[in-house]
Amino acid sequence: ALKVITSCSKRGFKALVLQYVPLASLEVCLHSGGHHLNLFQRLDVMIDVAYALEYLHHGNSKIIVHCDLKP
């Protein structure tokens, strides 16, 4: 499980810091033999990520900084 290091929610500022996972990516998780996600579950993950990115970039007037997002 991914560990949440800390979070902060103040007026005009929200942050969530997650554990760094070396040598792992969503792509690896989706295509590794140890994870058994069917096609619909994989599509749900992709849609959720797309909605989150759309909100970060267009659903808020504040500047959002995110890291480690790769296709």
PDB file of N, CA and C in Angstrom:
ATOM      1  N   ALA A   1       0.838  -1.192   0.000  1.00  0.00           N
ATOM      2  CA  ALA A   1       0.000   0.000   0.000  1.00  0.00           C
ATOM      3  C   ALA A   1       0.876   1.246   0.000  1.00  0.00           C
ATOM      4  N   LEU A   2       0.396   2.256  -0.651  1.00  0.00           N
ATOM      5  CA  LEU A   2       1.106   3.525  -0.737  1.00  0.00           C
ATOM      6  C   LEU A   2       0.888   4.314   0.546  1.00  0.00           C
ATOM      7  N   LYS A   3       1.957   4.804   1.123  1.00  0.00           N
ATOM      8  CA  LYS A   3       1.888   5.518   2.392  1.00  0.00           C
ATOM      9  C   LYS A   3       1.731   7.020   2.157  1.00  0.00           C
ATOM     10  N   VAL A   4       0.793   7.631   2.877  1.00  0.00           N
ATOM     11  CA  VAL A   4       0.640   9.077   2.863  1.00  0.00           C
ATOM     12  C   VAL A   4       1.599   9.634   3.908  1.00  0.00           C
ATOM     13  N   ILE A   5       2.546  10.478   3.469  1.00  0.00           N
ATOM     14  CA  ILE A   5       3.532  11.054   4.378  1.00  0.00           C
ATOM     15  C   ILE A   5       2.893  12.168   5.206  1.00  0.00           C
ATOM     16  N   THR A   6       2.235  13.087   4.530  1.00  0.00           N
ATOM     17  CA  THR A   6       1.552  14.170   5.221  1.00  0.00           C
ATOM     18  C   THR A   6       0.535  14.811   4.295  1.00  0.00           C
ATOM     19  N   SER A   7      -0.353  15.565   4.863  1.00  0.00           N
ATOM     20  CA  SER A   7      -1.316  16.321   4.071  1.00  0.00           C
ATOM     21  C   SER A   7      -1.555  17.662   4.748  1.00  0.00           C
ATOM     22  N   CYS A   8      -2.002  18.606   3.964  1.00  0.00           N
ATOM     23  CA  CYS A   8      -2.243  19.944   4.486  1.00  0.00           C
ATOM     24  C   CYS A   8      -3.426  20.540   3.736  1.00  0.00           C
ATOM     25  N   SER A   9      -4.325  21.141   4.468  1.00  0.00           N
ATOM     26  CA  SER A   9      -5.453  21.816   3.841  1.00  0.00           C
ATOM     27  C   SER A   9      -5.715  23.101   4.614  1.00  0.00           C
ATOM     28  N   LYS A  10      -5.307  24.188   4.009  1.00  0.00           N
ATOM     29  CA  LYS A  10      -5.530  25.503   4.586  1.00  0.00           C
ATOM     30  C   LYS A  10      -6.237  26.354   3.554  1.00  0.00           C
ATOM     31  N   ARG A  11      -6.718  27.467   3.947  1.00  0.00           N
ATOM     32  CA  ARG A  11      -7.394  28.367   3.024  1.00  0.00           C
ATOM     33  C   ARG A  11      -6.485  28.653   1.823  1.00  0.00           C
ATOM     34  N   GLY A  12      -6.940  28.249   0.651  1.00  0.00           N
ATOM     35  CA  GLY A  12      -6.196  28.518  -0.570  1.00  0.00           C
ATOM     36  C   GLY A  12      -5.021  27.597  -0.837  1.00  0.00           C
ATOM     37  N   PHE A  13      -4.821  26.579   0.003  1.00  0.00           N
ATOM     38  CA  PHE A  13      -3.682  25.682  -0.204  1.00  0.00           C
ATOM     39  C   PHE A  13      -4.045  24.273   0.231  1.00  0.00           C
ATOM     40  N   LYS A  14      -3.803  23.329  -0.637  1.00  0.00           N
ATOM     41  CA  LYS A  14      -3.996  21.923  -0.310  1.00  0.00           C
ATOM     42  C   LYS A  14      -2.794  21.148  -0.828  1.00  0.00           C
ATOM     43  N   ALA A  15      -2.329  20.208  -0.036  1.00  0.00           N
ATOM     44  CA  ALA A  15      -1.187  19.401  -0.453  1.00  0.00           C
ATOM     45  C   ALA A  15      -1.328  17.989   0.104  1.00  0.00           C
ATOM     46  N   LEU A  16      -0.826  17.049  -0.664  1.00  0.00           N
ATOM     47  CA  LEU A  16      -0.792  15.659  -0.264  1.00  0.00           C
ATOM     48  C   LEU A  16       0.572  15.128  -0.674  1.00  0.00           C
ATOM     49  N   VAL A  17       1.346  14.652   0.282  1.00  0.00           N
ATOM     50  CA  VAL A  17       2.678  14.120  -0.005  1.00  0.00           C
ATOM     51  C   VAL A  17       2.629  12.612   0.197  1.00  0.00           C
ATOM     52  N   LEU A  18       2.943  11.897  -0.875  1.00  0.00           N
ATOM     53  CA  LEU A  18       2.894  10.441  -0.842  1.00  0.00           C
ATOM     54  C   LEU A  18       4.290   9.850  -0.829  1.00  0.00           C
ATOM     55  N   GLN A  19       4.374   8.649  -0.355  1.00  0.00           N
ATOM     56  CA  GLN A  19       5.622   7.904  -0.321  1.00  0.00           C
ATOM     57  C   GLN A  19       6.169   7.761  -1.739  1.00  0.00           C
ATOM     58  N   TYR A  20       7.467   7.925  -1.882  1.00  0.00           N
ATOM     59  CA  TYR A  20       8.131   7.694  -3.172  1.00  0.00           C
ATOM     60  C   TYR A  20       8.289   6.187  -3.352  1.00  0.00           C
ATOM     61  N   VAL A  21       7.923   5.703  -4.500  1.00  0.00           N
ATOM     62  CA  VAL A  21       8.042   4.279  -4.790  1.00  0.00           C
ATOM     63  C   VAL A  21       9.045   4.118  -5.920  1.00  0.00           C
ATOM     64  N   PRO A  22      10.289   3.731  -5.613  1.00  0.00           N
ATOM     65  CA  PRO A  22      11.307   3.596  -6.652  1.00  0.00           C
ATOM     66  C   PRO A  22      10.987   2.445  -7.600  1.00  0.00           C
ATOM     67  N   LEU A  23      11.288   2.673  -8.849  1.00  0.00           N
ATOM     68  CA  LEU A  23      11.140   1.655  -9.887  1.00  0.00           C
ATOM     69  C   LEU A  23       9.719   1.145 -10.039  1.00  0.00           C
ATOM     70  N   ALA A  24       8.760   1.958  -9.675  1.00  0.00           N
ATOM     71  CA  ALA A  24       7.374   1.549  -9.857  1.00  0.00           C
ATOM     72  C   ALA A  24       6.624   2.672 -10.557  1.00  0.00           C
ATOM     73  N   SER A  25       5.677   2.285 -11.347  1.00  0.00           N
ATOM     74  CA  SER A  25       4.838   3.252 -12.017  1.00  0.00           C
ATOM     75  C   SER A  25       3.470   2.617 -12.213  1.00  0.00           C
ATOM     76  N   LEU A  26       2.516   3.447 -12.548  1.00  0.00           N
ATOM     77  CA  LEU A  26       1.193   2.906 -12.827  1.00  0.00           C
ATOM     78  C   LEU A  26       1.272   1.914 -13.984  1.00  0.00           C
ATOM     79  N   GLU A  27       2.110   2.231 -14.967  1.00  0.00           N
ATOM     80  CA  GLU A  27       2.271   1.332 -16.107  1.00  0.00           C
ATOM     81  C   GLU A  27       2.759  -0.041 -15.648  1.00  0.00           C
ATOM     82  N   VAL A  28       3.758  -0.062 -14.772  1.00  0.00           N
ATOM     83  CA  VAL A  28       4.287  -1.335 -14.267  1.00  0.00           C
ATOM     84  C   VAL A  28       3.207  -2.080 -13.490  1.00  0.00           C
ATOM     85  N   CYS A  29       2.476  -1.350 -12.657  1.00  0.00           N
ATOM     86  CA  CYS A  29       1.417  -1.990 -11.867  1.00  0.00           C
ATOM     87  C   CYS A  29       0.325  -2.573 -12.761  1.00  0.00           C
ATOM     88  N   LEU A  30      -0.018  -1.846 -13.810  1.00  0.00           N
ATOM     89  CA  LEU A  30      -1.080  -2.311 -14.694  1.00  0.00           C
ATOM     90  C   LEU A  30      -0.654  -3.484 -15.553  1.00  0.00           C
ATOM     91  N   HIS A  31       0.644  -3.601 -15.838  1.00  0.00           N
ATOM     92  CA  HIS A  31       1.109  -4.634 -16.752  1.00  0.00           C
ATOM     93  C   HIS A  31       1.901  -5.746 -16.073  1.00  0.00           C
ATOM     94  N   SER A  32       2.059  -5.679 -14.759  1.00  0.00           N
ATOM     95  CA  SER A  32       2.816  -6.735 -14.082  1.00  0.00           C
ATOM     96  C   SER A  32       1.923  -7.955 -13.855  1.00  0.00           C
ATOM     97  N   GLY A  33       2.560  -9.073 -13.766  1.00  0.00           N
ATOM     98  CA  GLY A  33       1.811 -10.309 -13.577  1.00  0.00           C
ATOM     99  C   GLY A  33       1.195 -10.438 -12.198  1.00  0.00           C
ATOM    100  N   GLY A  34       1.681  -9.690 -11.223  1.00  0.00           N
ATOM    101  CA  GLY A  34       1.179  -9.811  -9.858  1.00  0.00           C
ATOM    102  C   GLY A  34      -0.140  -9.106  -9.613  1.00  0.00           C
ATOM    103  N   HIS A  35      -0.530  -8.214 -10.509  1.00  0.00           N
ATOM    104  CA  HIS A  35      -1.785  -7.487 -10.357  1.00  0.00           C
ATOM    105  C   HIS A  35      -2.783  -8.026 -11.373  1.00  0.00           C
ATOM    106  N   HIS A  36      -3.932  -8.381 -10.900  1.00  0.00           N
ATOM    107  CA  HIS A  36      -4.926  -8.981 -11.775  1.00  0.00           C
ATOM    108  C   HIS A  36      -6.096  -8.020 -11.955  1.00  0.00           C
ATOM    109  N   LEU A  37      -5.899  -7.023 -12.783  1.00  0.00           N
ATOM    110  CA  LEU A  37      -6.969  -6.082 -13.102  1.00  0.00           C
ATOM    111  C   LEU A  37      -7.518  -6.431 -14.473  1.00  0.00           C
ATOM    112  N   ASN A  38      -8.822  -6.523 -14.555  1.00  0.00           N
ATOM    113  CA  ASN A  38      -9.403  -6.788 -15.867  1.00  0.00           C
ATOM    114  C   ASN A  38      -9.436  -5.494 -16.670  1.00  0.00           C
ATOM    115  N   LEU A  39      -9.838  -5.594 -17.918  1.00  0.00           N
ATOM    116  CA  LEU A  39      -9.834  -4.444 -18.811  1.00  0.00           C
ATOM    117  C   LEU A  39     -10.658  -3.289 -18.256  1.00  0.00           C
ATOM    118  N   PHE A  40     -11.825  -3.563 -17.694  1.00  0.00           N
ATOM    119  CA  PHE A  40     -12.682  -2.506 -17.179  1.00  0.00           C
ATOM    120  C   PHE A  40     -12.071  -1.819 -15.958  1.00  0.00           C
ATOM    121  N   GLN A  41     -11.408  -2.571 -15.097  1.00  0.00           N
ATOM    122  CA  GLN A  41     -10.723  -1.977 -13.950  1.00  0.00           C
ATOM    123  C   GLN A  41      -9.578  -1.084 -14.416  1.00  0.00           C
ATOM    124  N   ARG A  42      -8.848  -1.520 -15.434  1.00  0.00           N
ATOM    125  CA  ARG A  42      -7.755  -0.717 -15.986  1.00  0.00           C
ATOM    126  C   ARG A  42      -8.287   0.574 -16.596  1.00  0.00           C
ATOM    127  N   LEU A  43      -9.396   0.474 -17.314  1.00  0.00           N
ATOM    128  CA  LEU A  43     -10.017   1.671 -17.888  1.00  0.00           C
ATOM    129  C   LEU A  43     -10.488   2.619 -16.792  1.00  0.00           C
ATOM    130  N   ASP A  44     -11.025   2.085 -15.699  1.00  0.00           N
ATOM    131  CA  ASP A  44     -11.447   2.922 -14.575  1.00  0.00           C
ATOM    132  C   ASP A  44     -10.269   3.707 -14.002  1.00  0.00           C
ATOM    133  N   VAL A  45      -9.114   3.049 -13.871  1.00  0.00           N
ATOM    134  CA  VAL A  45      -7.915   3.732 -13.372  1.00  0.00           C
ATOM    135  C   VAL A  45      -7.523   4.862 -14.320  1.00  0.00           C
ATOM    136  N   MET A  46      -7.506   4.582 -15.616  1.00  0.00           N
ATOM    137  CA  MET A  46      -7.122   5.610 -16.593  1.00  0.00           C
ATOM    138  C   MET A  46      -8.093   6.789 -16.574  1.00  0.00           C
ATOM    139  N   ILE A  47      -9.371   6.506 -16.489  1.00  0.00           N
ATOM    140  CA  ILE A  47     -10.377   7.575 -16.456  1.00  0.00           C
ATOM    141  C   ILE A  47     -10.237   8.401 -15.192  1.00  0.00           C
ATOM    142  N   ASP A  48     -10.016   7.759 -14.040  1.00  0.00           N
ATOM    143  CA  ASP A  48      -9.836   8.489 -12.782  1.00  0.00           C
ATOM    144  C   ASP A  48      -8.624   9.410 -12.838  1.00  0.00           C
ATOM    145  N   VAL A  49      -7.521   8.924 -13.393  1.00  0.00           N
ATOM    146  CA  VAL A  49      -6.318   9.751 -13.523  1.00  0.00           C
ATOM    147  C   VAL A  49      -6.585  10.921 -14.458  1.00  0.00           C
ATOM    148  N   ALA A  50      -7.281  10.674 -15.557  1.00  0.00           N
ATOM    149  CA  ALA A  50      -7.595  11.747 -16.506  1.00  0.00           C
ATOM    150  C   ALA A  50      -8.486  12.807 -15.856  1.00  0.00           C
ATOM    151  N   TYR A  51      -9.494  12.389 -15.089  1.00  0.00           N
ATOM    152  CA  TYR A  51     -10.353  13.349 -14.389  1.00  0.00           C
ATOM    153  C   TYR A  51      -9.553  14.162 -13.372  1.00  0.00           C
ATOM    154  N   ALA A  52      -8.659  13.505 -12.656  1.00  0.00           N
ATOM    155  CA  ALA A  52      -7.844  14.214 -11.662  1.00  0.00           C
ATOM    156  C   ALA A  52      -6.953  15.255 -12.331  1.00  0.00           C
ATOM    157  N   LEU A  53      -6.317  14.892 -13.433  1.00  0.00           N
ATOM    158  CA  LEU A  53      -5.463  15.847 -14.150  1.00  0.00           C
ATOM    159  C   LEU A  53      -6.281  16.994 -14.731  1.00  0.00           C
ATOM    160  N   GLU A  54      -7.460  16.690 -15.249  1.00  0.00           N
ATOM    161  CA  GLU A  54      -8.312  17.744 -15.793  1.00  0.00           C
ATOM    162  C   GLU A  54      -8.691  18.731 -14.698  1.00  0.00           C
ATOM    163  N   TYR A  55      -9.038  18.217 -13.515  1.00  0.00           N
ATOM    164  CA  TYR A  55      -9.373  19.099 -12.398  1.00  0.00           C
ATOM    165  C   TYR A  55      -8.166  19.932 -11.981  1.00  0.00           C
ATOM    166  N   LEU A  56      -7.001  19.305 -11.870  1.00  0.00           N
ATOM    167  CA  LEU A  56      -5.809  20.039 -11.453  1.00  0.00           C
ATOM    168  C   LEU A  56      -5.481  21.180 -12.397  1.00  0.00           C
ATOM    169  N   HIS A  57      -5.690  20.973 -13.682  1.00  0.00           N
ATOM    170  CA  HIS A  57      -5.299  21.972 -14.666  1.00  0.00           C
ATOM    171  C   HIS A  57      -6.408  22.954 -15.029  1.00  0.00           C
ATOM    172  N   HIS A  58      -7.676  22.550 -14.876  1.00  0.00           N
ATOM    173  CA  HIS A  58      -8.756  23.411 -15.348  1.00  0.00           C
ATOM    174  C   HIS A  58      -9.851  23.658 -14.315  1.00  0.00           C
ATOM    175  N   GLY A  59      -9.913  22.888 -13.264  1.00  0.00           N
ATOM    176  CA  GLY A  59     -11.004  23.004 -12.302  1.00  0.00           C
ATOM    177  C   GLY A  59     -10.698  23.906 -11.134  1.00  0.00           C
ATOM    178  N   ASN A  60      -9.551  24.562 -11.174  1.00  0.00           N
ATOM    179  CA  ASN A  60      -9.124  25.373 -10.048  1.00  0.00           C
ATOM    180  C   ASN A  60      -8.353  26.563 -10.592  1.00  0.00           C
ATOM    181  N   SER A  61      -8.575  27.715 -10.020  1.00  0.00           N
ATOM    182  CA  SER A  61      -7.868  28.911 -10.496  1.00  0.00           C
ATOM    183  C   SER A  61      -6.462  29.015  -9.899  1.00  0.00           C
ATOM    184  N   LYS A  62      -6.156  28.194  -8.922  1.00  0.00           N
ATOM    185  CA  LYS A  62      -4.830  28.206  -8.298  1.00  0.00           C
ATOM    186  C   LYS A  62      -3.846  27.396  -9.143  1.00  0.00           C
ATOM    187  N   ILE A  63      -2.586  27.731  -9.026  1.00  0.00           N
ATOM    188  CA  ILE A  63      -1.544  26.968  -9.715  1.00  0.00           C
ATOM    189  C   ILE A  63      -1.318  25.670  -8.952  1.00  0.00           C
ATOM    190  N   ILE A  64      -1.340  24.592  -9.686  1.00  0.00           N
ATOM    191  CA  ILE A  64      -1.143  23.268  -9.101  1.00  0.00           C
ATOM    192  C   ILE A  64       0.182  22.708  -9.613  1.00  0.00           C
ATOM    193  N   VAL A  65       0.985  22.193  -8.700  1.00  0.00           N
ATOM    194  CA  VAL A  65       2.249  21.568  -9.070  1.00  0.00           C
ATOM    195  C   VAL A  65       2.137  20.084  -8.756  1.00  0.00           C
ATOM    196  N   HIS A  66       2.393  19.269  -9.744  1.00  0.00           N
ATOM    197  CA  HIS A  66       2.425  17.828  -9.517  1.00  0.00           C
ATOM    198  C   HIS A  66       3.707  17.290 -10.136  1.00  0.00           C
ATOM    199  N   CYS A  67       4.140  16.172  -9.615  1.00  0.00           N
ATOM    200  CA  CYS A  67       5.391  15.573 -10.091  1.00  0.00           C
ATOM    201  C   CYS A  67       5.148  14.116 -10.456  1.00  0.00           C
ATOM    202  N   ASP A  68       6.102  13.577 -11.166  1.00  0.00           N
ATOM    203  CA  ASP A  68       6.148  12.146 -11.449  1.00  0.00           C
ATOM    204  C   ASP A  68       4.922  11.623 -12.184  1.00  0.00           C
ATOM    205  N   LEU A  69       4.354  12.424 -13.075  1.00  0.00           N
ATOM    206  CA  LEU A  69       3.276  11.929 -13.927  1.00  0.00           C
ATOM    207  C   LEU A  69       3.853  11.675 -15.307  1.00  0.00           C
ATOM    208  N   LYS A  70       3.758  10.438 -15.729  1.00  0.00           N
ATOM    209  CA  LYS A  70       4.316  10.054 -17.022  1.00  0.00           C
ATOM    210  C   LYS A  70       3.252   9.282 -17.786  1.00  0.00           C
ATOM    211  N   PRO A  71       3.292   9.370 -19.113  1.00  0.00           N
ATOM    212  CA  PRO A  71       2.309   8.589 -19.893  1.00  0.00           C
ATOM    213  C   PRO A  71       2.559   7.101 -19.787  1.00  0.00           C
TER     214      PRO A  71
END
